[in-house]
PDB file of N, CA and C in Angstrom:
ATOM      1  N   ALA A   1       0.809  -1.194   0.000  1.00  0.00           N
ATOM      2  CA  ALA A   1       0.000   0.000   0.000  1.00  0.00           C
ATOM      3  C   ALA A   1       0.855   1.262   0.000  1.00  0.00           C
ATOM      4  N   VAL A   2       1.927   1.246   0.796  1.00  0.00           N
ATOM      5  CA  VAL A   2       2.762   2.446   0.876  1.00  0.00           C
ATOM      6  C   VAL A   2       3.499   2.705  -0.442  1.00  0.00           C
ATOM      7  N   LEU A   3       3.729   1.690  -1.213  1.00  0.00           N
ATOM      8  CA  LEU A   3       4.398   1.877  -2.509  1.00  0.00           C
ATOM      9  C   LEU A   3       3.503   2.625  -3.506  1.00  0.00           C
ATOM     10  N   GLN A   4       2.210   2.668  -3.247  1.00  0.00           N
ATOM     11  CA  GLN A   4       1.290   3.371  -4.141  1.00  0.00           C
ATOM     12  C   GLN A   4       1.278   4.874  -3.891  1.00  0.00           C
ATOM     13  N   LEU A   5       1.892   5.329  -2.825  1.00  0.00           N
ATOM     14  CA  LEU A   5       1.943   6.759  -2.492  1.00  0.00           C
ATOM     15  C   LEU A   5       3.208   7.362  -3.089  1.00  0.00           C
ATOM     16  N   GLU A   6       3.190   7.575  -4.377  1.00  0.00           N
ATOM     17  CA  GLU A   6       4.394   7.947  -5.107  1.00  0.00           C
ATOM     18  C   GLU A   6       4.805   9.408  -4.952  1.00  0.00           C
ATOM     19  N   GLU A   7       3.908  10.260  -4.583  1.00  0.00           N
ATOM     20  CA  GLU A   7       4.211  11.693  -4.553  1.00  0.00           C
ATOM     21  C   GLU A   7       4.714  12.182  -3.198  1.00  0.00           C
ATOM     22  N   LYS A   8       4.837  11.284  -2.235  1.00  0.00           N
ATOM     23  CA  LYS A   8       5.238  11.698  -0.901  1.00  0.00           C
ATOM     24  C   LYS A   8       6.518  10.989  -0.474  1.00  0.00           C
ATOM     25  N   SER A   9       7.241  11.625   0.421  1.00  0.00           N
ATOM     26  CA  SER A   9       8.438  11.005   0.988  1.00  0.00           C
ATOM     27  C   SER A   9       8.039  10.130   2.171  1.00  0.00           C
ATOM     28  N   ALA A  10       8.954   9.287   2.605  1.00  0.00           N
ATOM     29  CA  ALA A  10       8.698   8.461   3.783  1.00  0.00           C
ATOM     30  C   ALA A  10       8.440   9.347   4.995  1.00  0.00           C
ATOM     31  N   TYR A  11       9.145  10.453   5.081  1.00  0.00           N
ATOM     32  CA  TYR A  11       8.944  11.386   6.191  1.00  0.00           C
ATOM     33  C   TYR A  11       7.535  11.983   6.162  1.00  0.00           C
ATOM     34  N   GLU A  12       7.080  12.342   4.964  1.00  0.00           N
ATOM     35  CA  GLU A  12       5.736  12.925   4.841  1.00  0.00           C
ATOM     36  C   GLU A  12       4.646  11.911   5.200  1.00  0.00           C
ATOM     37  N   ILE A  13       4.894  10.653   4.919  1.00  0.00           N
ATOM     38  CA  ILE A  13       3.905   9.610   5.192  1.00  0.00           C
ATOM     39  C   ILE A  13       3.930   9.203   6.664  1.00  0.00           C
ATOM     40  N   PHE A  14       5.119   8.958   7.190  1.00  0.00           N
ATOM     41  CA  PHE A  14       5.242   8.375   8.522  1.00  0.00           C
ATOM     42  C   PHE A  14       5.688   9.353   9.605  1.00  0.00           C
ATOM     43  N   GLY A  15       6.323  10.418   9.220  1.00  0.00           N
ATOM     44  CA  GLY A  15       6.904  11.309  10.211  1.00  0.00           C
ATOM     45  C   GLY A  15       8.186  10.708  10.772  1.00  0.00           C
ATOM     46  N   SER A  16       8.756  11.401  11.746  1.00  0.00           N
ATOM     47  CA  SER A  16       9.988  10.927  12.362  1.00  0.00           C
ATOM     48  C   SER A  16       9.680  10.436  13.773  1.00  0.00           C
ATOM     49  N   PRO A  17      10.227   9.379  14.213  1.00  0.00           N
ATOM     50  CA  PRO A  17      11.337   8.605  13.659  1.00  0.00           C
ATOM     51  C   PRO A  17      10.897   7.409  12.818  1.00  0.00           C
ATOM     52  N   ASP A  18       9.605   7.299  12.529  1.00  0.00           N
ATOM     53  CA  ASP A  18       9.123   6.124  11.790  1.00  0.00           C
ATOM     54  C   ASP A  18       9.688   6.031  10.379  1.00  0.00           C
ATOM     55  N   ASP A  19      10.027   7.157   9.765  1.00  0.00           N
ATOM     56  CA  ASP A  19      10.669   7.104   8.451  1.00  0.00           C
ATOM     57  C   ASP A  19      12.043   6.440   8.548  1.00  0.00           C
ATOM     58  N   LEU A  20      12.735   6.695   9.655  1.00  0.00           N
ATOM     59  CA  LEU A  20      14.042   6.073   9.870  1.00  0.00           C
ATOM     60  C   LEU A  20      13.895   4.577  10.136  1.00  0.00           C
ATOM     61  N   LYS A  21      12.846   4.216  10.858  1.00  0.00           N
ATOM     62  CA  LYS A  21      12.575   2.797  11.115  1.00  0.00           C
ATOM     63  C   LYS A  21      12.269   2.058   9.824  1.00  0.00           C
ATOM     64  N   LEU A  22      11.503   2.694   8.948  1.00  0.00           N
ATOM     65  CA  LEU A  22      11.197   2.086   7.649  1.00  0.00           C
ATOM     66  C   LEU A  22      12.474   1.842   6.862  1.00  0.00           C
ATOM     67  N   HIS A  23      13.354   2.825   6.854  1.00  0.00           N
ATOM     68  CA  HIS A  23      14.623   2.708   6.124  1.00  0.00           C
ATOM     69  C   HIS A  23      15.452   1.550   6.685  1.00  0.00           C
ATOM     70  N   SER A  24      15.546   1.493   8.005  1.00  0.00           N
ATOM     71  CA  SER A  24      16.318   0.440   8.646  1.00  0.00           C
ATOM     72  C   SER A  24      15.717  -0.942   8.395  1.00  0.00           C
ATOM     73  N   CYS A  25      14.411  -1.069   8.563  1.00  0.00           N
ATOM     74  CA  CYS A  25      13.743  -2.365   8.350  1.00  0.00           C
ATOM     75  C   CYS A  25      13.827  -2.822   6.902  1.00  0.00           C
ATOM     76  N   ALA A  26      13.611  -1.900   5.980  1.00  0.00           N
ATOM     77  CA  ALA A  26      13.702  -2.249   4.557  1.00  0.00           C
ATOM     78  C   ALA A  26      15.117  -2.719   4.223  1.00  0.00           C
ATOM     79  N   THR A  27      16.115  -2.062   4.803  1.00  0.00           N
ATOM     80  CA  THR A  27      17.510  -2.453   4.593  1.00  0.00           C
ATOM     81  C   THR A  27      17.761  -3.843   5.140  1.00  0.00           C
ATOM     82  N   LEU A  28      17.306  -4.077   6.364  1.00  0.00           N
ATOM     83  CA  LEU A  28      17.508  -5.366   7.014  1.00  0.00           C
ATOM     84  C   LEU A  28      16.893  -6.501   6.199  1.00  0.00           C
ATOM     85  N   PHE A  29      15.629  -6.363   5.866  1.00  0.00           N
ATOM     86  CA  PHE A  29      14.943  -7.448   5.159  1.00  0.00           C
ATOM     87  C   PHE A  29      15.390  -7.575   3.704  1.00  0.00           C
ATOM     88  N   ALA A  30      15.849  -6.483   3.106  1.00  0.00           N
ATOM     89  CA  ALA A  30      16.363  -6.551   1.735  1.00  0.00           C
ATOM     90  C   ALA A  30      17.628  -7.407   1.658  1.00  0.00           C
ATOM     91  N   GLN A  31      18.322  -7.538   2.775  1.00  0.00           N
ATOM     92  CA  GLN A  31      19.544  -8.341   2.791  1.00  0.00           C
ATOM     93  C   GLN A  31      19.276  -9.825   2.587  1.00  0.00           C
ATOM     94  N   ILE A  32      18.085 -10.281   2.942  1.00  0.00           N
ATOM     95  CA  ILE A  32      17.784 -11.713   2.830  1.00  0.00           C
ATOM     96  C   ILE A  32      16.677 -12.013   1.822  1.00  0.00           C
ATOM     97  N   ALA A  33      16.054 -10.970   1.296  1.00  0.00           N
ATOM     98  CA  ALA A  33      14.945 -11.146   0.355  1.00  0.00           C
ATOM     99  C   ALA A  33      15.465 -11.196  -1.088  1.00  0.00           C
ATOM    100  N   PRO A  34      14.658 -11.693  -2.003  1.00  0.00           N
ATOM    101  CA  PRO A  34      15.037 -11.675  -3.419  1.00  0.00           C
ATOM    102  C   PRO A  34      15.276 -10.235  -3.904  1.00  0.00           C
ATOM    103  N   PRO A  35      16.077 -10.073  -4.944  1.00  0.00           N
ATOM    104  CA  PRO A  35      16.426  -8.737  -5.438  1.00  0.00           C
ATOM    105  C   PRO A  35      15.226  -7.867  -5.828  1.00  0.00           C
ATOM    106  N   ASP A  36      14.144  -8.463  -6.233  1.00  0.00           N
ATOM    107  CA  ASP A  36      12.967  -7.698  -6.661  1.00  0.00           C
ATOM    108  C   ASP A  36      11.907  -7.592  -5.564  1.00  0.00           C
ATOM    109  N   SER A  37      12.316  -7.779  -4.316  1.00  0.00           N
ATOM    110  CA  SER A  37      11.372  -7.797  -3.197  1.00  0.00           C
ATOM    111  C   SER A  37      10.765  -6.431  -2.924  1.00  0.00           C
ATOM    112  N   VAL A  38       9.711  -6.423  -2.146  1.00  0.00           N
ATOM    113  CA  VAL A  38       9.056  -5.186  -1.727  1.00  0.00           C
ATOM    114  C   VAL A  38      10.040  -4.321  -0.925  1.00  0.00           C
ATOM    115  N   PHE A  39      10.963  -4.944  -0.238  1.00  0.00           N
ATOM    116  CA  PHE A  39      11.933  -4.196   0.563  1.00  0.00           C
ATOM    117  C   PHE A  39      12.889  -3.406  -0.326  1.00  0.00           C
ATOM    118  N   LYS A  40      13.320  -4.039  -1.404  1.00  0.00           N
ATOM    119  CA  LYS A  40      14.167  -3.333  -2.380  1.00  0.00           C
ATOM    120  C   LYS A  40      13.361  -2.223  -3.047  1.00  0.00           C
ATOM    121  N   GLN A  41      12.109  -2.475  -3.340  1.00  0.00           N
ATOM    122  CA  GLN A  41      11.253  -1.453  -3.939  1.00  0.00           C
ATOM    123  C   GLN A  41      11.076  -0.256  -3.001  1.00  0.00           C
ATOM    124  N   LEU A  42      10.932  -0.522  -1.701  1.00  0.00           N
ATOM    125  CA  LEU A  42      10.843   0.573  -0.728  1.00  0.00           C
ATOM    126  C   LEU A  42      12.123   1.403  -0.718  1.00  0.00           C
ATOM    127  N   LEU A  43      13.255   0.727  -0.721  1.00  0.00           N
ATOM    128  CA  LEU A  43      14.530   1.448  -0.756  1.00  0.00           C
ATOM    129  C   LEU A  43      14.641   2.286  -2.022  1.00  0.00           C
ATOM    130  N   ASP A  44      14.248   1.717  -3.147  1.00  0.00           N
ATOM    131  CA  ASP A  44      14.315   2.446  -4.421  1.00  0.00           C
ATOM    132  C   ASP A  44      13.405   3.666  -4.418  1.00  0.00           C
ATOM    133  N   GLN A  45      12.181   3.473  -3.968  1.00  0.00           N
ATOM    134  CA  GLN A  45      11.193   4.545  -4.067  1.00  0.00           C
ATOM    135  C   GLN A  45      11.408   5.660  -3.046  1.00  0.00           C
ATOM    136  N   TYR A  46      11.735   5.302  -1.820  1.00  0.00           N
ATOM    137  CA  TYR A  46      11.776   6.312  -0.766  1.00  0.00           C
ATOM    138  C   TYR A  46      13.176   6.725  -0.333  1.00  0.00           C
ATOM    139  N   PHE A  47      14.193   5.950  -0.705  1.00  0.00           N
ATOM    140  CA  PHE A  47      15.539   6.228  -0.219  1.00  0.00           C
ATOM    141  C   PHE A  47      16.584   6.188  -1.338  1.00  0.00           C
ATOM    142  N   GLN A  48      16.154   6.501  -2.548  1.00  0.00           N
ATOM    143  CA  GLN A  48      17.026   6.555  -3.719  1.00  0.00           C
ATOM    144  C   GLN A  48      17.843   5.270  -3.908  1.00  0.00           C
ATOM    145  N   GLY A  49      17.244   4.147  -3.482  1.00  0.00           N
ATOM    146  CA  GLY A  49      17.899   2.853  -3.654  1.00  0.00           C
ATOM    147  C   GLY A  49      19.030   2.604  -2.675  1.00  0.00           C
ATOM    148  N   LYS A  50      19.241   3.506  -1.734  1.00  0.00           N
ATOM    149  CA  LYS A  50      20.370   3.398  -0.809  1.00  0.00           C
ATOM    150  C   LYS A  50      19.923   2.744   0.505  1.00  0.00           C
ATOM    151  N   PRO A  51      20.654   1.718   0.918  1.00  0.00           N
ATOM    152  CA  PRO A  51      20.341   1.099   2.205  1.00  0.00           C
ATOM    153  C   PRO A  51      20.755   2.015   3.354  1.00  0.00           C
ATOM    154  N   ASP A  52      20.228   1.727   4.518  1.00  0.00           N
ATOM    155  CA  ASP A  52      20.592   2.467   5.724  1.00  0.00           C
ATOM    156  C   ASP A  52      21.982   2.024   6.172  1.00  0.00           C
ATOM    157  N   VAL A  53      22.921   2.958   6.168  1.00  0.00           N
ATOM    158  CA  VAL A  53      24.318   2.648   6.464  1.00  0.00           C
ATOM    159  C   VAL A  53      24.482   2.106   7.884  1.00  0.00           C
ATOM    160  N   LYS A  54      23.819   2.715   8.850  1.00  0.00           N
ATOM    161  CA  LYS A  54      23.949   2.268  10.244  1.00  0.00           C
ATOM    162  C   LYS A  54      23.460   0.829  10.402  1.00  0.00           C
ATOM    163  N   THR A  55      22.368   0.484   9.739  1.00  0.00           N
ATOM    164  CA  THR A  55      21.856  -0.889   9.804  1.00  0.00           C
ATOM    165  C   THR A  55      22.870  -1.863   9.223  1.00  0.00           C
ATOM    166  N   LEU A  56      23.480  -1.511   8.103  1.00  0.00           N
ATOM    167  CA  LEU A  56      24.500  -2.376   7.500  1.00  0.00           C
ATOM    168  C   LEU A  56      25.715  -2.523   8.414  1.00  0.00           C
ATOM    169  N   GLN A  57      26.100  -1.432   9.074  1.00  0.00           N
ATOM    170  CA  GLN A  57      27.226  -1.492  10.007  1.00  0.00           C
ATOM    171  C   GLN A  57      26.912  -2.417  11.184  1.00  0.00           C
ATOM    172  N   LEU A  58      25.691  -2.327  11.706  1.00  0.00           N
ATOM    173  CA  LEU A  58      25.297  -3.202  12.806  1.00  0.00           C
ATOM    174  C   LEU A  58      25.267  -4.669  12.372  1.00  0.00           C
ATOM    175  N   LEU A  59      24.784  -4.921  11.177  1.00  0.00           N
ATOM    176  CA  LEU A  59      24.772  -6.298  10.658  1.00  0.00           C
ATOM    177  C   LEU A  59      26.185  -6.832  10.525  1.00  0.00           C
ATOM    178  N   GLU A  60      27.070  -6.018  10.000  1.00  0.00           N
ATOM    179  CA  GLU A  60      28.465  -6.428   9.827  1.00  0.00           C
ATOM    180  C   GLU A  60      29.116  -6.689  11.183  1.00  0.00           C
ATOM    181  N   ALA A  61      28.887  -5.813  12.152  1.00  0.00           N
ATOM    182  CA  ALA A  61      29.456  -5.996  13.486  1.00  0.00           C
ATOM    183  C   ALA A  61      28.934  -7.280  14.120  1.00  0.00           C
ATOM    184  N   ASN A  62      27.644  -7.524  13.979  1.00  0.00           N
ATOM    185  CA  ASN A  62      27.069  -8.745  14.545  1.00  0.00           C
ATOM    186  C   ASN A  62      27.591  -9.988  13.846  1.00  0.00           C
ATOM    187  N   ASN A  63      27.820  -9.912  12.540  1.00  0.00           N
ATOM    188  CA  ASN A  63      28.382 -11.047  11.813  1.00  0.00           C
ATOM    189  C   ASN A  63      29.791 -11.339  12.292  1.00  0.00           C
ATOM    190  N   CYS A  64      30.573 -10.298  12.542  1.00  0.00           N
ATOM    191  CA  CYS A  64      31.937 -10.481  13.041  1.00  0.00           C
ATOM    192  C   CYS A  64      31.917 -11.131  14.415  1.00  0.00           C
ATOM    193  N   ILE A  65      31.027 -10.676  15.288  1.00  0.00           N
ATOM    194  CA  ILE A  65      30.920 -11.253  16.628  1.00  0.00           C
ATOM    195  C   ILE A  65      30.494 -12.713  16.539  1.00  0.00           C
ATOM    196  N   LEU A  66      29.504 -12.992  15.711  1.00  0.00           N
ATOM    197  CA  LEU A  66      29.033 -14.367  15.550  1.00  0.00           C
ATOM    198  C   LEU A  66      30.146 -15.262  15.026  1.00  0.00           C
ATOM    199  N   ASP A  67      30.886 -14.786  14.026  1.00  0.00           N
ATOM    200  CA  ASP A  67      32.000 -15.567  13.485  1.00  0.00           C
ATOM    201  C   ASP A  67      33.033 -15.873  14.565  1.00  0.00           C
ATOM    202  N   LYS A  68      33.348 -14.886  15.404  1.00  0.00           N
ATOM    203  CA  LYS A  68      34.325 -15.099  16.474  1.00  0.00           C
ATOM    204  C   LYS A  68      33.815 -16.111  17.485  1.00  0.00           C
ATOM    205  N   LEU A  69      32.539 -15.997  17.845  1.00  0.00           N
ATOM    206  CA  LEU A  69      31.965 -16.952  18.790  1.00  0.00           C
ATOM    207  C   LEU A  69      31.974 -18.364  18.222  1.00  0.00           C
ATOM    208  N   LEU A  70      31.649 -18.484  16.951  1.00  0.00           N
ATOM    209  CA  LEU A  70      31.664 -19.807  16.324  1.00  0.00           C
ATOM    210  C   LEU A  70      33.075 -20.370  16.270  1.00  0.00           C
ATOM    211  N   ASP A  71      34.057 -19.511  15.975  1.00  0.00           N
ATOM    212  CA  ASP A  71      35.450 -19.958  15.955  1.00  0.00           C
ATOM    213  C   ASP A  71      35.913 -20.381  17.344  1.00  0.00           C
ATOM    214  N   LEU A  72      35.531 -19.610  18.368  1.00  0.00           N
ATOM    215  CA  LEU A  72      35.908 -19.952  19.740  1.00  0.00           C
ATOM    216  C   LEU A  72      35.275 -21.265  20.166  1.00  0.00           C
ATOM    217  N   GLY A  73      34.087 -21.522  19.686  1.00  0.00           N
ATOM    218  CA  GLY A  73      33.362 -22.720  20.090  1.00  0.00           C
ATOM    219  C   GLY A  73      33.848 -24.001  19.448  1.00  0.00           C
ATOM    220  N   LYS A  74      34.610 -23.886  18.384  1.00  0.00           N
ATOM    221  CA  LYS A  74      35.077 -25.099  17.697  1.00  0.00           C
ATOM    222  C   LYS A  74      36.079 -25.845  18.574  1.00  0.00           C
ATOM    223  N   GLY A  75      35.690 -27.028  19.004  1.00  0.00           N
ATOM    224  CA  GLY A  75      36.590 -27.857  19.792  1.00  0.00           C
ATOM    225  C   GLY A  75      36.709 -27.435  21.240  1.00  0.00           C
ATOM    226  N   ALA A  76      36.131 -26.315  21.630  1.00  0.00           N
ATOM    227  CA  ALA A  76      36.269 -25.837  23.001  1.00  0.00           C
ATOM    228  C   ALA A  76      35.093 -26.248  23.871  1.00  0.00           C
ATOM    229  N   ASN A  77      34.069 -26.780  23.288  1.00  0.00           N
ATOM    230  CA  ASN A  77      32.865 -27.137  24.030  1.00  0.00           C
ATOM    231  C   ASN A  77      32.884 -28.638  24.313  1.00  0.00           C
ATOM    232  N   PRO A  78      33.023 -29.027  25.601  1.00  0.00           N
ATOM    233  CA  PRO A  78      33.073 -30.459  25.918  1.00  0.00           C
ATOM    234  C   PRO A  78      31.843 -31.229  25.459  1.00  0.00           C
ATOM    235  N   LEU A  79      30.660 -30.613  25.565  1.00  0.00           N
ATOM    236  CA  LEU A  79      29.455 -31.286  25.090  1.00  0.00           C
ATOM    237  C   LEU A  79      29.524 -31.524  23.601  1.00  0.00           C
ATOM    238  N   HIS A  80      29.958 -30.504  22.869  1.00  0.00           N
ATOM    239  CA  HIS A  80      30.099 -30.631  21.428  1.00  0.00           C
ATOM    240  C   HIS A  80      31.084 -31.742  21.093  1.00  0.00           C
ATOM    241  N   ASP A  81      32.201 -31.792  21.820  1.00  0.00           N
ATOM    242  CA  ASP A  81      33.223 -32.801  21.561  1.00  0.00           C
ATOM    243  C   ASP A  81      32.692 -34.216  21.819  1.00  0.00           C
ATOM    244  N   SER A  82      31.905 -34.392  22.902  1.00  0.00           N
ATOM    245  CA  SER A  82      31.406 -35.719  23.205  1.00  0.00           C
ATOM    246  C   SER A  82      30.398 -36.183  22.146  1.00  0.00           C
ATOM    247  N   PHE A  83      29.570 -35.264  21.668  1.00  0.00           N
ATOM    248  CA  PHE A  83      28.628 -35.623  20.606  1.00  0.00           C
ATOM    249  C   PHE A  83      29.379 -35.933  19.304  1.00  0.00           C
ATOM    250  N   SER A  84      30.444 -35.203  19.037  1.00  0.00           N
ATOM    251  CA  SER A  84      31.205 -35.430  17.815  1.00  0.00           C
ATOM    252  C   SER A  84      31.844 -36.806  17.816  1.00  0.00           C
ATOM    253  N   ARG A  85      32.354 -37.238  18.975  1.00  0.00           N
ATOM    254  CA  ARG A  85      33.008 -38.549  19.063  1.00  0.00           C
ATOM    255  C   ARG A  85      32.020 -39.692  18.967  1.00  0.00           C
ATOM    256  N   GLU A  86      30.793 -39.473  19.457  1.00  0.00           N
ATOM    257  CA  GLU A  86      29.785 -40.524  19.438  1.00  0.00           C
ATOM    258  C   GLU A  86      29.212 -40.737  18.042  1.00  0.00           C
ATOM    259  N   SER A  87      29.289 -39.731  17.207  1.00  0.00           N
ATOM    260  CA  SER A  87      28.663 -39.828  15.877  1.00  0.00           C
ATOM    261  C   SER A  87      29.437 -40.706  14.947  1.00  0.00           C
TER     262      SER A  87
END
């Protein structure tokens, strides 16, 4: 429905800070959705096709933390090791 409001900006439709939330959410979901998704269309129509930089930075930071935790967990978890040996 919001994609049909072509003459208004996200700010004009939602006000602040909801326009920022829309940008962040569209960016987040566009990362896992197909290229032609509604999320990409929202970014194109209301944000000149540009994702929210802060959201991308947070995703990258969380990916780095997750990668480190997964690396630390390899072989360091006794439960994991016992299940691995039993398999």
